[in-house]
Amino acid sequence: MLEPSGTVELLVVETATGEEEELVLTGKDFYPERRSMLDDDVLPDDDDSQ
């Protein structure tokens, strides 16, 4: 199985204010088993959406 390598850098711009935010994704962002335990606080639980 091939694995992603490198990074993806996105620049998000709020059109109303011109505020910029940079988002950097790496291969580990696409594999839940490689994410840190802190991501559990950020990602929504499926049970909460019901």
N, C-alpha and C. Protein backbone atom coordinates (compact mmCIF):
# COMPACT_ATOMS: atom_id res chain seq x y z
N MET A 1 0.84 -1.19 0.00
CA MET A 1 0.00 0.00 0.00
C MET A 1 0.89 1.25 0.00
N LEU A 2 0.56 2.18 -0.85
CA LEU A 2 1.32 3.42 -0.90
C LEU A 2 0.90 4.35 0.22
N GLU A 3 1.86 5.08 0.74
CA GLU A 3 1.57 6.05 1.79
C GLU A 3 1.90 7.45 1.30
N PRO A 4 1.09 8.45 1.68
CA PRO A 4 1.40 9.82 1.28
C PRO A 4 2.69 10.29 1.95
N SER A 5 3.43 11.08 1.24
CA SER A 5 4.65 11.66 1.81
C SER A 5 4.65 13.15 1.55
N GLY A 6 5.46 13.86 2.30
CA GLY A 6 5.52 15.31 2.14
C GLY A 6 4.41 16.01 2.90
N THR A 7 4.19 17.24 2.54
CA THR A 7 3.17 18.04 3.23
C THR A 7 2.32 18.79 2.21
N VAL A 8 1.15 19.17 2.66
CA VAL A 8 0.26 20.04 1.89
C VAL A 8 0.08 21.30 2.71
N GLU A 9 0.33 22.44 2.11
CA GLU A 9 0.17 23.71 2.81
C GLU A 9 -0.96 24.49 2.17
N LEU A 10 -1.96 24.84 2.96
CA LEU A 10 -3.11 25.60 2.48
C LEU A 10 -3.12 26.97 3.15
N LEU A 11 -3.44 27.97 2.40
CA LEU A 11 -3.59 29.32 2.95
C LEU A 11 -5.07 29.67 2.85
N VAL A 12 -5.71 29.81 4.00
CA VAL A 12 -7.13 30.13 4.07
C VAL A 12 -7.26 31.61 4.37
N VAL A 13 -8.04 32.31 3.54
CA VAL A 13 -8.20 33.76 3.69
C VAL A 13 -9.67 34.08 3.92
N GLU A 14 -9.96 34.76 5.02
CA GLU A 14 -11.31 35.25 5.30
C GLU A 14 -11.53 36.46 4.41
N THR A 15 -12.45 36.32 3.45
CA THR A 15 -12.62 37.39 2.46
C THR A 15 -13.14 38.69 3.07
N ALA A 16 -13.95 38.61 4.10
CA ALA A 16 -14.51 39.82 4.70
C ALA A 16 -13.45 40.65 5.42
N THR A 17 -12.51 39.97 6.09
CA THR A 17 -11.52 40.69 6.90
C THR A 17 -10.11 40.65 6.32
N GLY A 18 -9.86 39.73 5.40
CA GLY A 18 -8.52 39.57 4.85
C GLY A 18 -7.59 38.80 5.77
N GLU A 19 -8.12 38.29 6.87
CA GLU A 19 -7.31 37.53 7.82
C GLU A 19 -6.87 36.21 7.18
N GLU A 20 -5.59 35.88 7.33
CA GLU A 20 -5.02 34.67 6.75
C GLU A 20 -4.69 33.65 7.83
N GLU A 21 -4.90 32.38 7.50
CA GLU A 21 -4.52 31.29 8.39
C GLU A 21 -3.91 30.20 7.53
N GLU A 22 -2.75 29.70 7.96
CA GLU A 22 -2.07 28.65 7.21
C GLU A 22 -2.39 27.30 7.84
N LEU A 23 -2.73 26.32 7.00
CA LEU A 23 -3.03 24.97 7.45
C LEU A 23 -2.04 24.04 6.78
N VAL A 24 -1.30 23.27 7.58
CA VAL A 24 -0.30 22.34 7.05
C VAL A 24 -0.73 20.92 7.40
N LEU A 25 -0.88 20.08 6.38
CA LEU A 25 -1.25 18.69 6.57
C LEU A 25 -0.07 17.81 6.18
N THR A 26 0.12 16.73 6.95
CA THR A 26 1.15 15.74 6.62
C THR A 26 0.48 14.39 6.47
N GLY A 27 1.24 13.39 6.06
CA GLY A 27 0.70 12.05 5.87
C GLY A 27 0.00 11.50 7.10
N LYS A 28 0.50 11.82 8.29
CA LYS A 28 -0.11 11.28 9.51
C LYS A 28 -1.52 11.80 9.75
N ASP A 29 -1.88 12.94 9.14
CA ASP A 29 -3.22 13.48 9.31
C ASP A 29 -4.29 12.61 8.67
N PHE A 30 -3.89 11.71 7.78
CA PHE A 30 -4.83 10.85 7.08
C PHE A 30 -4.90 9.44 7.67
N TYR A 31 -4.13 9.18 8.72
CA TYR A 31 -4.12 7.88 9.37
C TYR A 31 -4.42 8.07 10.85
N PRO A 32 -5.64 7.74 11.29
CA PRO A 32 -6.02 7.99 12.70
C PRO A 32 -5.06 7.35 13.70
N GLU A 33 -4.49 6.19 13.39
CA GLU A 33 -3.60 5.53 14.35
C GLU A 33 -2.29 6.29 14.53
N ARG A 34 -1.97 7.24 13.67
CA ARG A 34 -0.74 8.03 13.79
C ARG A 34 -0.98 9.39 14.43
N ARG A 35 -2.22 9.74 14.67
CA ARG A 35 -2.52 11.04 15.27
C ARG A 35 -2.21 11.03 16.76
N SER A 36 -1.93 12.18 17.30
CA SER A 36 -1.66 12.27 18.73
C SER A 36 -2.97 12.16 19.51
N MET A 37 -2.86 11.90 20.79
CA MET A 37 -4.04 11.79 21.64
C MET A 37 -4.77 13.12 21.75
N LEU A 38 -4.09 14.22 21.52
CA LEU A 38 -4.73 15.54 21.61
C LEU A 38 -5.79 15.73 20.54
N ASP A 39 -5.68 15.04 19.41
CA ASP A 39 -6.65 15.17 18.33
C ASP A 39 -8.05 14.74 18.77
N ASP A 40 -8.15 13.89 19.79
CA ASP A 40 -9.46 13.46 20.27
C ASP A 40 -10.27 14.64 20.78
N ASP A 41 -9.60 15.67 21.28
CA ASP A 41 -10.31 16.86 21.76
C ASP A 41 -10.82 17.72 20.60
N VAL A 42 -10.21 17.58 19.43
CA VAL A 42 -10.56 18.42 18.28
C VAL A 42 -11.60 17.76 17.39
N LEU A 43 -11.45 16.45 17.18
CA LEU A 43 -12.35 15.74 16.27
C LEU A 43 -13.68 15.44 16.95
N PRO A 44 -14.81 15.70 16.28
CA PRO A 44 -16.11 15.41 16.89
C PRO A 44 -16.36 13.90 16.95
N ASP A 45 -17.08 13.49 17.99
CA ASP A 45 -17.48 12.10 18.12
C ASP A 45 -18.71 11.86 17.26
N ASP A 46 -18.83 10.66 16.69
CA ASP A 46 -20.00 10.32 15.89
C ASP A 46 -21.26 10.29 16.74
N ASP A 47 -21.12 9.96 18.03
CA ASP A 47 -22.28 9.86 18.92
C ASP A 47 -22.91 11.22 19.20
N ASP A 48 -22.12 12.29 19.14
CA ASP A 48 -22.63 13.63 19.45
C ASP A 48 -23.56 14.17 18.38
N SER A 49 -23.48 13.64 17.16
CA SER A 49 -24.27 14.18 16.05
C SER A 49 -25.71 13.69 16.05
N GLN A 50 -26.04 12.75 16.91
CA GLN A 50 -27.40 12.20 16.92
C GLN A 50 -28.32 13.00 17.80
